[in-house]
PDB file of N, CA and C in Angstrom:
ATOM      1  N   MET A   1       8.968   9.996 -13.649  1.00  0.00           N
ATOM      2  CA  MET A   1       8.319  10.624 -12.619  1.00  0.00           C
ATOM      3  C   MET A   1       9.292  10.721 -11.129  1.00  0.00           C
ATOM      4  N   SER A   2      10.835   9.686 -11.132  1.00  0.00           N
ATOM      5  CA  SER A   2      10.990   9.869 -10.138  1.00  0.00           C
ATOM      6  C   SER A   2      12.797  10.013 -10.624  1.00  0.00           C
ATOM      7  N   LEU A   3      12.821  10.481 -12.010  1.00  0.00           N
ATOM      8  CA  LEU A   3      13.770  10.998 -12.408  1.00  0.00           C
ATOM      9  C   LEU A   3      15.188  10.193 -12.620  1.00  0.00           C
ATOM     10  N   GLY A   4      15.227   8.787 -12.889  1.00  0.00           N
ATOM     11  CA  GLY A   4      16.159   8.043 -12.558  1.00  0.00           C
ATOM     12  C   GLY A   4      16.002   7.276 -10.977  1.00  0.00           C
ATOM     13  N   ARG A   5      15.891   7.669 -10.334  1.00  0.00           N
ATOM     14  CA  ARG A   5      16.511   7.733  -8.993  1.00  0.00           C
ATOM     15  C   ARG A   5      15.679   5.740  -8.672  1.00  0.00           C
ATOM     16  N   VAL A   6      14.715   6.005  -8.887  1.00  0.00           N
ATOM     17  CA  VAL A   6      13.734   4.710  -9.107  1.00  0.00           C
ATOM     18  C   VAL A   6      13.388   4.279 -10.224  1.00  0.00           C
ATOM     19  N   SER A   7      13.569   2.756 -10.544  1.00  0.00           N
ATOM     20  CA  SER A   7      13.160   2.306 -12.130  1.00  0.00           C
ATOM     21  C   SER A   7      11.680   2.471 -11.944  1.00  0.00           C
ATOM     22  N   LYS A   8      11.513   1.937 -12.767  1.00  0.00           N
ATOM     23  CA  LYS A   8       9.833   1.922 -13.135  1.00  0.00           C
ATOM     24  C   LYS A   8       9.572   0.271 -12.522  1.00  0.00           C
ATOM     25  N   LEU A   9      10.275  -0.590 -12.912  1.00  0.00           N
ATOM     26  CA  LEU A   9       9.873  -1.871 -12.780  1.00  0.00           C
ATOM     27  C   LEU A   9      10.119  -2.199 -11.194  1.00  0.00           C
ATOM     28  N   ARG A  10      10.945  -1.430 -10.580  1.00  0.00           N
ATOM     29  CA  ARG A  10      11.133  -1.503  -9.095  1.00  0.00           C
ATOM     30  C   ARG A  10       9.740  -0.750  -8.390  1.00  0.00           C
ATOM     31  N   LEU A  11       9.517  -0.041  -8.515  1.00  0.00           N
ATOM     32  CA  LEU A  11       8.237   1.297  -8.251  1.00  0.00           C
ATOM     33  C   LEU A  11       6.693   0.442  -8.563  1.00  0.00           C
ATOM     34  N   VAL A  12       6.580  -0.744 -10.187  1.00  0.00           N
ATOM     35  CA  VAL A  12       5.734  -1.225 -10.246  1.00  0.00           C
ATOM     36  C   VAL A  12       5.842  -2.212  -9.118  1.00  0.00           C
ATOM     37  N   ALA A  13       6.561  -3.361  -9.153  1.00  0.00           N
ATOM     38  CA  ALA A  13       6.847  -4.329  -8.023  1.00  0.00           C
ATOM     39  C   ALA A  13       6.628  -4.031  -6.873  1.00  0.00           C
ATOM     40  N   THR A  14       6.947  -2.899  -6.337  1.00  0.00           N
ATOM     41  CA  THR A  14       6.762  -2.881  -4.683  1.00  0.00           C
ATOM     42  C   THR A  14       4.866  -2.524  -4.576  1.00  0.00           C
ATOM     43  N   VAL A  15       4.625  -1.597  -5.567  1.00  0.00           N
ATOM     44  CA  VAL A  15       3.115  -1.314  -5.080  1.00  0.00           C
ATOM     45  C   VAL A  15       2.598  -2.572  -5.655  1.00  0.00           C
ATOM     46  N   SER A  16       2.796  -3.338  -6.534  1.00  0.00           N
ATOM     47  CA  SER A  16       1.863  -4.647  -6.892  1.00  0.00           C
ATOM     48  C   SER A  16       2.180  -5.618  -5.626  1.00  0.00           C
ATOM     49  N   VAL A  17       3.096  -5.674  -4.608  1.00  0.00           N
ATOM     50  CA  VAL A  17       3.611  -6.559  -3.617  1.00  0.00           C
ATOM     51  C   VAL A  17       2.505  -5.863  -2.590  1.00  0.00           C
ATOM     52  N   GLY A  18       2.818  -4.560  -2.507  1.00  0.00           N
ATOM     53  CA  GLY A  18       1.793  -3.872  -1.404  1.00  0.00           C
ATOM     54  C   GLY A  18       0.418  -4.273  -1.570  1.00  0.00           C
ATOM     55  N   CYS A  19      -0.238  -4.130  -2.654  1.00  0.00           N
ATOM     56  CA  CYS A  19      -1.127  -4.494  -2.585  1.00  0.00           C
ATOM     57  C   CYS A  19      -2.219  -5.840  -2.677  1.00  0.00           C
ATOM     58  N   GLY A  20      -1.137  -6.575  -2.992  1.00  0.00           N
ATOM     59  CA  GLY A  20      -1.059  -7.901  -3.177  1.00  0.00           C
ATOM     60  C   GLY A  20      -0.963  -8.549  -1.271  1.00  0.00           C
ATOM     61  N   ILE A  21      -0.203  -7.638  -0.692  1.00  0.00           N
ATOM     62  CA  ILE A  21      -0.074  -8.258   0.411  1.00  0.00           C
ATOM     63  C   ILE A  21      -1.887  -7.331   1.547  1.00  0.00           C
ATOM     64  N   GLY A  22      -1.861  -6.422   1.202  1.00  0.00           N
ATOM     65  CA  GLY A  22      -3.114  -5.696   1.388  1.00  0.00           C
ATOM     66  C   GLY A  22      -4.493  -6.995   1.379  1.00  0.00           C
ATOM     67  N   THR A  23      -4.562  -7.445  -0.072  1.00  0.00           N
ATOM     68  CA  THR A  23      -5.517  -8.079   0.012  1.00  0.00           C
ATOM     69  C   THR A  23      -5.625  -9.436   0.699  1.00  0.00           C
ATOM     70  N   VAL A  24      -4.194  -9.621   1.153  1.00  0.00           N
ATOM     71  CA  VAL A  24      -4.512 -11.118   1.468  1.00  0.00           C
ATOM     72  C   VAL A  24      -4.602 -10.815   2.876  1.00  0.00           C
ATOM     73  N   VAL A  25      -4.635  -9.641   3.516  1.00  0.00           N
ATOM     74  CA  VAL A  25      -4.401  -9.323   4.700  1.00  0.00           C
ATOM     75  C   VAL A  25      -6.403  -9.163   4.706  1.00  0.00           C
ATOM     76  N   GLY A  26      -7.000  -8.167   4.378  1.00  0.00           N
ATOM     77  CA  GLY A  26      -8.126  -7.977   4.241  1.00  0.00           C
ATOM     78  C   GLY A  26      -8.619  -9.535   4.358  1.00  0.00           C
ATOM     79  N   ILE A  27      -8.741 -10.120   2.973  1.00  0.00           N
ATOM     80  CA  ILE A  27      -9.224 -11.625   3.215  1.00  0.00           C
ATOM     81  C   ILE A  27      -9.432 -12.622   4.325  1.00  0.00           C
ATOM     82  N   LEU A  28      -8.126 -12.508   4.820  1.00  0.00           N
ATOM     83  CA  LEU A  28      -7.841 -12.766   6.562  1.00  0.00           C
ATOM     84  C   LEU A  28      -8.398 -12.739   7.451  1.00  0.00           C
ATOM     85  N   LYS A  29      -8.852 -11.307   7.399  1.00  0.00           N
ATOM     86  CA  LYS A  29      -9.505 -10.341   8.553  1.00  0.00           C
ATOM     87  C   LYS A  29     -11.189 -10.951   7.943  1.00  0.00           C
ATOM     88  N   VAL A  30     -11.456 -10.816   7.048  1.00  0.00           N
ATOM     89  CA  VAL A  30     -12.963 -11.632   6.802  1.00  0.00           C
ATOM     90  C   VAL A  30     -13.160 -12.748   7.163  1.00  0.00           C
ATOM     91  N   LEU A  31     -12.043 -14.195   6.612  1.00  0.00           N
ATOM     92  CA  LEU A  31     -12.201 -15.238   6.883  1.00  0.00           C
ATOM     93  C   LEU A  31     -12.205 -15.815   8.382  1.00  0.00           C
ATOM     94  N   LEU A  32     -11.350 -14.689   9.332  1.00  0.00           N
ATOM     95  CA  LEU A  32     -10.906 -14.921  10.709  1.00  0.00           C
ATOM     96  C   LEU A  32     -11.856 -14.045  11.374  1.00  0.00           C
ATOM     97  N   ASN A  33     -12.774 -13.383  10.898  1.00  0.00           N
ATOM     98  CA  ASN A  33     -13.536 -12.121  11.444  1.00  0.00           C
ATOM     99  C   ASN A  33     -12.948 -11.426  12.769  1.00  0.00           C
ATOM    100  N   GLY A  34     -11.554 -11.249  12.182  1.00  0.00           N
ATOM    101  CA  GLY A  34     -10.598 -10.169  12.727  1.00  0.00           C
ATOM    102  C   GLY A  34     -11.505  -8.449  13.426  1.00  0.00           C
ATOM    103  N   PRO A  35     -10.820  -7.840  14.099  1.00  0.00           N
ATOM    104  CA  PRO A  35     -11.360  -6.647  14.566  1.00  0.00           C
ATOM    105  C   PRO A  35     -10.993  -5.986  13.545  1.00  0.00           C
ATOM    106  N   LEU A  36     -11.958  -4.690  13.113  1.00  0.00           N
ATOM    107  CA  LEU A  36     -11.787  -3.824  12.065  1.00  0.00           C
ATOM    108  C   LEU A  36     -10.518  -3.084  12.535  1.00  0.00           C
ATOM    109  N   LEU A  37     -10.652  -2.346  13.914  1.00  0.00           N
ATOM    110  CA  LEU A  37      -9.628  -1.155  14.415  1.00  0.00           C
ATOM    111  C   LEU A  37      -8.419  -1.621  13.847  1.00  0.00           C
ATOM    112  N   LEU A  38      -8.082  -3.045  14.279  1.00  0.00           N
ATOM    113  CA  LEU A  38      -6.889  -3.803  14.142  1.00  0.00           C
ATOM    114  C   LEU A  38      -6.246  -3.443  12.718  1.00  0.00           C
ATOM    115  N   MET A  39      -7.103  -3.196  11.566  1.00  0.00           N
ATOM    116  CA  MET A  39      -6.458  -3.140  10.273  1.00  0.00           C
ATOM    117  C   MET A  39      -5.636  -2.203   9.699  1.00  0.00           C
ATOM    118  N   PRO A  40      -6.201  -0.740   9.912  1.00  0.00           N
ATOM    119  CA  PRO A  40      -5.550  -0.050   9.405  1.00  0.00           C
ATOM    120  C   PRO A  40      -4.559   1.004  10.629  1.00  0.00           C
ATOM    121  N   ILE A  41      -4.793   0.316  11.992  1.00  0.00           N
ATOM    122  CA  ILE A  41      -4.244   1.335  12.743  1.00  0.00           C
ATOM    123  C   ILE A  41      -2.364   0.985  12.873  1.00  0.00           C
ATOM    124  N   PRO A  42      -2.241  -0.233  12.495  1.00  0.00           N
ATOM    125  CA  PRO A  42      -0.947  -0.250  12.950  1.00  0.00           C
ATOM    126  C   PRO A  42       0.040  -0.422  11.880  1.00  0.00           C
ATOM    127  N   PRO A  43      -0.629  -0.574   9.816  1.00  0.00           N
ATOM    128  CA  PRO A  43       0.293  -0.448   9.081  1.00  0.00           C
ATOM    129  C   PRO A  43       0.286   1.077   9.042  1.00  0.00           C
ATOM    130  N   CYS A  44      -0.673   1.941   9.762  1.00  0.00           N
ATOM    131  CA  CYS A  44      -0.445   3.428   9.262  1.00  0.00           C
ATOM    132  C   CYS A  44       0.433   3.869  10.249  1.00  0.00           C
ATOM    133  N   LEU A  45       0.769   3.114  11.503  1.00  0.00           N
ATOM    134  CA  LEU A  45       1.962   3.665  12.129  1.00  0.00           C
ATOM    135  C   LEU A  45       3.177   3.661  11.834  1.00  0.00           C
ATOM    136  N   ILE A  46       3.245   2.288  11.434  1.00  0.00           N
ATOM    137  CA  ILE A  46       4.498   1.871  10.808  1.00  0.00           C
ATOM    138  C   ILE A  46       4.994   2.735   9.663  1.00  0.00           C
ATOM    139  N   ALA A  47       3.924   3.383   8.541  1.00  0.00           N
ATOM    140  CA  ALA A  47       4.390   4.055   7.722  1.00  0.00           C
ATOM    141  C   ALA A  47       4.858   5.314   7.944  1.00  0.00           C
ATOM    142  N   ARG A  48       4.158   5.517   8.838  1.00  0.00           N
ATOM    143  CA  ARG A  48       4.733   7.067   9.557  1.00  0.00           C
ATOM    144  C   ARG A  48       5.835   7.075  10.009  1.00  0.00           C
ATOM    145  N   ALA A  49       6.317   6.203  10.836  1.00  0.00           N
ATOM    146  CA  ALA A  49       7.518   5.988  11.940  1.00  0.00           C
ATOM    147  C   ALA A  49       8.532   5.196  10.392  1.00  0.00           C
ATOM    148  N   LEU A  50       8.540   4.827   9.657  1.00  0.00           N
ATOM    149  CA  LEU A  50       9.171   4.949   8.205  1.00  0.00           C
ATOM    150  C   LEU A  50       9.321   6.222   7.869  1.00  0.00           C
ATOM    151  N   THR A  51       8.167   7.738   7.467  1.00  0.00           N
ATOM    152  CA  THR A  51       8.451   8.320   7.092  1.00  0.00           C
ATOM    153  C   THR A  51       9.523   8.951   7.659  1.00  0.00           C
ATOM    154  N   CYS A  52       9.633   9.201   8.982  1.00  0.00           N
ATOM    155  CA  CYS A  52      10.486  10.238   9.993  1.00  0.00           C
ATOM    156  C   CYS A  52      11.608  10.113   9.522  1.00  0.00           C
ATOM    157  N   GLY A  53      12.704  10.979   9.518  1.00  0.00           N
ATOM    158  CA  GLY A  53      14.004  11.066   8.658  1.00  0.00           C
ATOM    159  C   GLY A  53      14.297  10.960   7.513  1.00  0.00           C
ATOM    160  N   GLN A  54      13.492  10.166   6.188  1.00  0.00           N
ATOM    161  CA  GLN A  54      13.484   9.816   5.093  1.00  0.00           C
ATOM    162  C   GLN A  54      13.887  11.207   4.290  1.00  0.00           C
ATOM    163  N   ASP A  55      14.343  10.979   3.310  1.00  0.00           N
ATOM    164  CA  ASP A  55      14.634  11.707   2.002  1.00  0.00           C
ATOM    165  C   ASP A  55      13.121  12.391   1.627  1.00  0.00           C
ATOM    166  N   ASP A  56      13.038  14.170   1.639  1.00  0.00           N
ATOM    167  CA  ASP A  56      11.768  14.409   0.982  1.00  0.00           C
ATOM    168  C   ASP A  56      11.169  13.725  -0.357  1.00  0.00           C
ATOM    169  N   PHE A  57      12.012  13.231  -1.072  1.00  0.00           N
ATOM    170  CA  PHE A  57      11.854  12.532  -3.073  1.00  0.00           C
ATOM    171  C   PHE A  57      11.187  11.262  -2.561  1.00  0.00           C
ATOM    172  N   ILE A  58      11.590  10.538  -1.895  1.00  0.00           N
ATOM    173  CA  ILE A  58      11.287   9.099  -1.251  1.00  0.00           C
ATOM    174  C   ILE A  58       9.872   9.176  -0.554  1.00  0.00           C
ATOM    175  N   VAL A  59      10.003   9.840   0.106  1.00  0.00           N
ATOM    176  CA  VAL A  59       8.757  10.238   1.203  1.00  0.00           C
ATOM    177  C   VAL A  59       7.495  10.474   0.480  1.00  0.00           C
ATOM    178  N   GLY A  60       7.653  11.283  -0.584  1.00  0.00           N
ATOM    179  CA  GLY A  60       6.592  11.859  -1.486  1.00  0.00           C
ATOM    180  C   GLY A  60       6.112  10.759  -2.976  1.00  0.00           C
ATOM    181  N   LEU A  61       7.081  10.147  -2.778  1.00  0.00           N
ATOM    182  CA  LEU A  61       6.985   9.407  -4.177  1.00  0.00           C
ATOM    183  C   LEU A  61       6.076   8.160  -3.430  1.00  0.00           C
ATOM    184  N   ALA A  62       6.889   7.833  -2.130  1.00  0.00           N
ATOM    185  CA  ALA A  62       6.415   6.242  -1.757  1.00  0.00           C
ATOM    186  C   ALA A  62       4.483   6.674  -1.098  1.00  0.00           C
ATOM    187  N   TRP A  63       4.370   7.937  -1.121  1.00  0.00           N
ATOM    188  CA  TRP A  63       3.206   8.446  -0.628  1.00  0.00           C
ATOM    189  C   TRP A  63       1.984   8.361  -1.594  1.00  0.00           C
ATOM    190  N   ASP A  64       2.413   9.013  -2.541  1.00  0.00           N
ATOM    191  CA  ASP A  64       1.774   9.175  -3.512  1.00  0.00           C
ATOM    192  C   ASP A  64       1.898   7.836  -4.370  1.00  0.00           C
ATOM    193  N   ALA A  65       2.113   6.831  -4.532  1.00  0.00           N
ATOM    194  CA  ALA A  65       2.502   5.397  -5.170  1.00  0.00           C
ATOM    195  C   ALA A  65       1.193   4.625  -4.190  1.00  0.00           C
ATOM    196  N   ALA A  66       1.739   4.982  -3.131  1.00  0.00           N
ATOM    197  CA  ALA A  66       0.361   4.192  -2.019  1.00  0.00           C
ATOM    198  C   ALA A  66      -1.038   4.720  -2.534  1.00  0.00           C
ATOM    199  N   GLY A  67      -1.590   5.932  -3.233  1.00  0.00           N
ATOM    200  CA  GLY A  67      -2.701   6.017  -3.725  1.00  0.00           C
ATOM    201  C   GLY A  67      -3.581   5.644  -5.024  1.00  0.00           C
ATOM    202  N   THR A  68      -2.164   4.915  -5.355  1.00  0.00           N
ATOM    203  CA  THR A  68      -2.877   3.671  -6.377  1.00  0.00           C
ATOM    204  C   THR A  68      -3.419   2.520  -5.892  1.00  0.00           C
ATOM    205  N   THR A  69      -3.566   2.293  -4.820  1.00  0.00           N
ATOM    206  CA  THR A  69      -4.245   1.029  -4.128  1.00  0.00           C
ATOM    207  C   THR A  69      -5.892   1.495  -4.024  1.00  0.00           C
ATOM    208  N   THR A  70      -6.102   2.817  -4.146  1.00  0.00           N
ATOM    209  CA  THR A  70      -7.611   3.076  -4.028  1.00  0.00           C
ATOM    210  C   THR A  70      -7.802   3.757  -5.647  1.00  0.00           C
ATOM    211  N   GLY A  71      -7.111   3.018  -6.660  1.00  0.00           N
ATOM    212  CA  GLY A  71      -7.498   3.291  -7.782  1.00  0.00           C
ATOM    213  C   GLY A  71      -8.514   2.944  -8.169  1.00  0.00           C
ATOM    214  N   SER A  72      -8.993   3.451  -9.842  1.00  0.00           N
ATOM    215  CA  SER A  72     -10.512   3.343 -10.649  1.00  0.00           C
ATOM    216  C   SER A  72     -10.046   1.416 -11.061  1.00  0.00           C
ATOM    217  N   ILE A  73      -9.149   1.193 -11.061  1.00  0.00           N
ATOM    218  CA  ILE A  73      -8.712  -0.394 -11.545  1.00  0.00           C
ATOM    219  C   ILE A  73      -8.784  -1.106 -10.379  1.00  0.00           C
ATOM    220  N   THR A  74      -7.990  -0.725  -9.540  1.00  0.00           N
ATOM    221  CA  THR A  74      -7.872  -1.800  -8.061  1.00  0.00           C
ATOM    222  C   THR A  74      -8.921  -2.095  -7.194  1.00  0.00           C
ATOM    223  N   VAL A  75      -9.807  -1.157  -7.039  1.00  0.00           N
ATOM    224  CA  VAL A  75     -10.934  -0.795  -6.132  1.00  0.00           C
ATOM    225  C   VAL A  75     -12.139  -2.013  -6.829  1.00  0.00           C
ATOM    226  N   PRO A  76     -12.237  -1.884  -7.920  1.00  0.00           N
ATOM    227  CA  PRO A  76     -13.242  -3.052  -8.206  1.00  0.00           C
ATOM    228  C   PRO A  76     -12.756  -4.347  -8.503  1.00  0.00           C
ATOM    229  N   LEU A  77     -11.693  -4.438  -8.469  1.00  0.00           N
ATOM    230  CA  LEU A  77     -11.116  -5.812  -9.085  1.00  0.00           C
ATOM    231  C   LEU A  77     -11.155  -6.355  -7.458  1.00  0.00           C
ATOM    232  N   ILE A  78     -10.486  -5.860  -6.733  1.00  0.00           N
ATOM    233  CA  ILE A  78     -10.295  -6.297  -5.011  1.00  0.00           C
ATOM    234  C   ILE A  78     -12.014  -6.741  -4.219  1.00  0.00           C
ATOM    235  N   LEU A  79     -12.991  -5.641  -4.681  1.00  0.00           N
ATOM    236  CA  LEU A  79     -14.343  -5.674  -4.520  1.00  0.00           C
ATOM    237  C   LEU A  79     -14.981  -7.113  -5.042  1.00  0.00           C
ATOM    238  N   ALA A  80     -14.522  -7.261  -6.388  1.00  0.00           N
ATOM    239  CA  ALA A  80     -14.868  -8.302  -7.061  1.00  0.00           C
ATOM    240  C   ALA A  80     -14.591  -9.790  -6.130  1.00  0.00           C
ATOM    241  N   LEU A  81     -13.108  -9.594  -5.591  1.00  0.00           N
ATOM    242  CA  LEU A  81     -12.843 -11.116  -5.124  1.00  0.00           C
ATOM    243  C   LEU A  81     -13.857 -11.351  -3.684  1.00  0.00           C
ATOM    244  N   GLY A  82     -14.200  -9.984  -3.007  1.00  0.00           N
ATOM    245  CA  GLY A  82     -14.887 -10.008  -1.969  1.00  0.00           C
ATOM    246  C   GLY A  82     -16.482 -11.042  -2.490  1.00  0.00           C
TER     247      GLY A  82
END
């Protein structure tokens, strides 16, 4: 998919770490009864800031890979943890 610019292992590892961090943050939000609006807004602002000025290939790959966090396997697995 990335034509060799990004290795498969690096892409899978990066997406896996991102899913893990998101899961931990979500669990902490539930345990600590944190406000819901603080969960999506700061990461989205950070992601948008990191997008500015980057290579279009990397931006497209990153946002496409981020879509896997709502995939048909990830969501039921995370919901089962709840």
